[in-house]
N, C-alpha and C. Protein backbone atom coordinates (compact mmCIF):
# COMPACT_ATOMS: atom_id res chain seq x y z
N MET A 1 -57.29 190.40 270.77
CA MET A 1 -56.53 191.69 270.81
C MET A 1 -57.56 192.84 270.09
N LEU A 2 -57.82 194.21 271.11
CA LEU A 2 -58.46 194.76 270.75
C LEU A 2 -57.92 195.83 269.62
N MET A 3 -56.77 196.44 269.41
CA MET A 3 -56.00 197.16 268.39
C MET A 3 -55.93 196.45 267.25
N THR A 4 -57.03 196.08 266.56
CA THR A 4 -56.62 195.60 265.20
C THR A 4 -56.82 196.28 264.10
N GLY A 5 -57.60 197.30 264.00
CA GLY A 5 -58.35 198.28 262.98
C GLY A 5 -57.79 199.51 263.16
N SER A 6 -56.52 199.59 263.08
CA SER A 6 -55.59 201.28 263.10
C SER A 6 -56.24 201.93 262.24
N GLY A 7 -56.90 203.16 263.15
CA GLY A 7 -57.23 204.17 262.52
C GLY A 7 -58.80 204.49 262.29
N ARG A 8 -59.49 203.20 262.18
CA ARG A 8 -60.76 203.22 261.68
C ARG A 8 -61.58 202.92 263.12
N ALA A 9 -63.01 203.49 262.97
CA ALA A 9 -64.09 203.05 264.06
C ALA A 9 -64.24 201.69 264.04
N ALA A 10 -64.41 201.06 265.21
CA ALA A 10 -65.15 199.90 265.29
C ALA A 10 -66.65 199.56 265.45
N ARG A 11 -67.07 198.75 265.01
CA ARG A 11 -68.71 198.69 265.26
C ARG A 11 -68.71 197.93 266.58
N VAL A 12 -69.35 198.10 267.68
CA VAL A 12 -69.29 197.59 268.85
C VAL A 12 -70.98 197.16 269.07
N HIS A 13 -71.26 196.04 269.54
CA HIS A 13 -72.39 195.43 270.25
C HIS A 13 -71.91 195.63 271.88
N TYR A 14 -72.78 196.56 272.75
CA TYR A 14 -72.61 196.71 274.17
C TYR A 14 -73.46 195.85 274.92
N LEU A 15 -72.84 195.11 275.82
CA LEU A 15 -73.55 194.12 276.65
C LEU A 15 -73.09 194.78 278.08
N PRO A 16 -74.15 194.19 279.34
CA PRO A 16 -73.71 194.63 280.66
C PRO A 16 -72.50 194.25 281.04
N GLY A 17 -71.53 195.14 281.20
CA GLY A 17 -70.47 194.89 281.89
C GLY A 17 -69.17 194.58 280.94
N THR A 18 -69.48 194.44 279.53
CA THR A 18 -68.54 193.89 278.24
C THR A 18 -69.12 194.42 277.18
N PHE A 19 -68.36 194.28 275.95
CA PHE A 19 -68.75 194.79 274.71
C PHE A 19 -68.33 193.70 273.59
N ARG A 20 -68.79 193.48 272.52
CA ARG A 20 -68.49 192.44 271.39
C ARG A 20 -68.12 193.31 270.28
N LEU A 21 -66.92 193.12 269.68
CA LEU A 21 -66.46 193.73 268.44
C LEU A 21 -67.28 193.06 267.42
N LEU A 22 -67.98 193.94 266.27
CA LEU A 22 -68.92 193.34 265.50
C LEU A 22 -67.84 193.52 264.04
N SER A 23 -67.06 194.77 264.11
CA SER A 23 -66.11 194.87 262.81
C SER A 23 -65.00 195.55 263.50
N ASP A 24 -63.53 195.27 263.04
CA ASP A 24 -62.33 195.73 263.31
C ASP A 24 -62.33 197.12 263.46
N GLY A 25 -61.68 197.78 264.46
CA GLY A 25 -61.37 199.18 264.40
C GLY A 25 -60.58 199.19 265.77
N ASP A 26 -60.12 200.36 266.01
CA ASP A 26 -59.30 200.78 267.45
C ASP A 26 -59.98 201.86 268.16
N HIS A 27 -60.93 202.43 267.87
CA HIS A 27 -61.84 203.46 268.80
C HIS A 27 -63.31 203.36 268.19
N VAL A 28 -64.17 204.01 269.05
CA VAL A 28 -65.42 204.28 268.90
C VAL A 28 -65.67 205.70 269.16
N VAL A 29 -66.49 206.33 268.78
CA VAL A 29 -67.18 207.72 268.97
C VAL A 29 -67.89 207.89 269.83
N CYS A 30 -67.78 208.95 270.91
CA CYS A 30 -68.79 209.28 272.24
C CYS A 30 -70.02 209.87 271.37
N ALA A 31 -71.22 209.21 271.69
CA ALA A 31 -72.40 209.35 271.37
C ALA A 31 -72.98 211.00 271.30
N VAL A 32 -72.62 211.64 272.71
CA VAL A 32 -72.60 213.15 273.07
C VAL A 32 -71.58 214.00 272.84
N THR A 33 -69.92 213.69 273.03
CA THR A 33 -69.19 214.77 272.65
C THR A 33 -68.64 214.44 271.12
N GLY A 34 -68.83 213.54 270.47
CA GLY A 34 -68.04 213.07 269.35
C GLY A 34 -66.58 212.76 269.33
N ALA A 35 -65.95 212.76 270.56
CA ALA A 35 -64.98 212.32 270.94
C ALA A 35 -64.41 210.87 270.49
N ARG A 36 -63.20 210.64 270.36
CA ARG A 36 -62.94 209.48 270.02
C ARG A 36 -62.58 208.57 271.04
N ILE A 37 -62.74 207.55 270.80
CA ILE A 37 -62.29 206.54 272.48
C ILE A 37 -61.67 205.69 272.13
N PRO A 38 -60.45 205.45 272.42
CA PRO A 38 -59.63 204.16 272.02
C PRO A 38 -60.07 202.93 272.93
N LEU A 39 -60.57 202.06 272.08
CA LEU A 39 -61.25 200.68 272.95
C LEU A 39 -60.55 200.40 274.12
N HIS A 40 -59.30 200.49 274.28
CA HIS A 40 -58.67 200.17 275.40
C HIS A 40 -59.00 200.94 276.79
N GLU A 41 -59.69 202.23 276.44
CA GLU A 41 -60.22 202.96 277.50
C GLU A 41 -61.74 203.10 277.38
N LEU A 42 -62.23 202.45 276.92
CA LEU A 42 -63.75 202.42 276.98
C LEU A 42 -64.01 201.67 278.32
N ARG A 43 -65.05 202.70 279.07
CA ARG A 43 -65.28 202.40 279.98
C ARG A 43 -66.78 202.51 280.40
N TYR A 44 -67.68 203.41 279.49
CA TYR A 44 -69.07 203.52 279.48
C TYR A 44 -69.79 203.55 278.66
N TRP A 45 -70.98 202.98 278.75
CA TRP A 45 -71.58 203.08 277.48
C TRP A 45 -73.29 202.39 278.01
N SER A 46 -74.26 202.61 276.87
CA SER A 46 -75.60 201.98 277.46
C SER A 46 -75.91 201.04 276.69
N VAL A 47 -76.39 199.95 277.21
CA VAL A 47 -77.04 198.69 276.66
C VAL A 47 -78.16 199.20 275.84
N GLU A 48 -79.09 199.67 276.31
CA GLU A 48 -80.40 200.01 275.84
C GLU A 48 -80.35 200.99 274.89
N ARG A 49 -79.45 201.97 274.67
CA ARG A 49 -79.27 202.87 273.59
C ARG A 49 -78.14 202.32 272.43
N GLN A 50 -77.26 201.55 272.93
CA GLN A 50 -76.07 201.12 272.20
C GLN A 50 -75.18 202.21 272.08
N GLU A 51 -74.87 202.90 272.99
CA GLU A 51 -73.98 203.92 272.54
C GLU A 51 -72.76 204.09 273.60
N PRO A 52 -71.71 204.69 273.25
CA PRO A 52 -70.43 204.56 274.06
C PRO A 52 -70.56 206.13 274.25
N TYR A 53 -69.73 206.44 275.69
CA TYR A 53 -69.63 207.75 276.34
C TYR A 53 -68.18 207.94 276.67
N VAL A 54 -67.49 208.92 276.69
CA VAL A 54 -66.16 209.47 276.70
C VAL A 54 -65.94 209.32 278.51
N ASP A 55 -67.04 209.77 279.05
CA ASP A 55 -66.87 209.48 280.55
C ASP A 55 -68.03 209.91 281.43
N ALA A 56 -68.09 209.39 282.55
CA ALA A 56 -69.34 209.38 283.33
C ALA A 56 -69.99 210.79 282.93
N GLU A 57 -69.68 211.89 282.76
CA GLU A 57 -70.58 213.23 282.74
C GLU A 57 -71.25 212.96 281.13
N ALA A 58 -70.67 212.51 279.97
CA ALA A 58 -71.19 212.30 279.16
C ALA A 58 -72.45 211.29 279.28
N SER A 59 -72.05 210.16 280.05
CA SER A 59 -72.94 209.18 280.18
C SER A 59 -74.19 209.72 280.82
N LEU A 60 -74.25 210.60 281.90
CA LEU A 60 -75.34 211.20 282.46
C LEU A 60 -75.85 212.29 281.61
N ARG A 61 -75.25 212.83 280.94
CA ARG A 61 -75.91 214.00 280.07
C ARG A 61 -76.76 212.91 278.76
N ALA A 62 -76.34 211.83 278.42
CA ALA A 62 -77.18 211.09 277.50
C ALA A 62 -78.78 210.74 278.18
N GLN A 63 -78.22 210.36 279.53
CA GLN A 63 -79.56 209.99 280.00
C GLN A 63 -80.47 210.91 280.65
N GLN A 64 -79.95 211.98 280.59
CA GLN A 64 -81.11 213.28 280.68
C GLN A 64 -81.64 213.80 279.45
N ARG A 65 -81.22 213.36 278.39
CA ARG A 65 -81.95 213.93 277.08
C ARG A 65 -83.16 213.20 277.11
């Protein structure tokens, strides 16, 4: 189950099309905006940069920097 570490940021390894939890948590922090992203809502990340993004716009901004 993804919702095990209530209130804590999870450590995550991002893979193509999926991700693996390295430590318990219930969210990650967007690398561009700093917004909390609940794991059950995580849809955007970079495998190369190992970064999560809150939405497609944040993903694009990360790609452009």
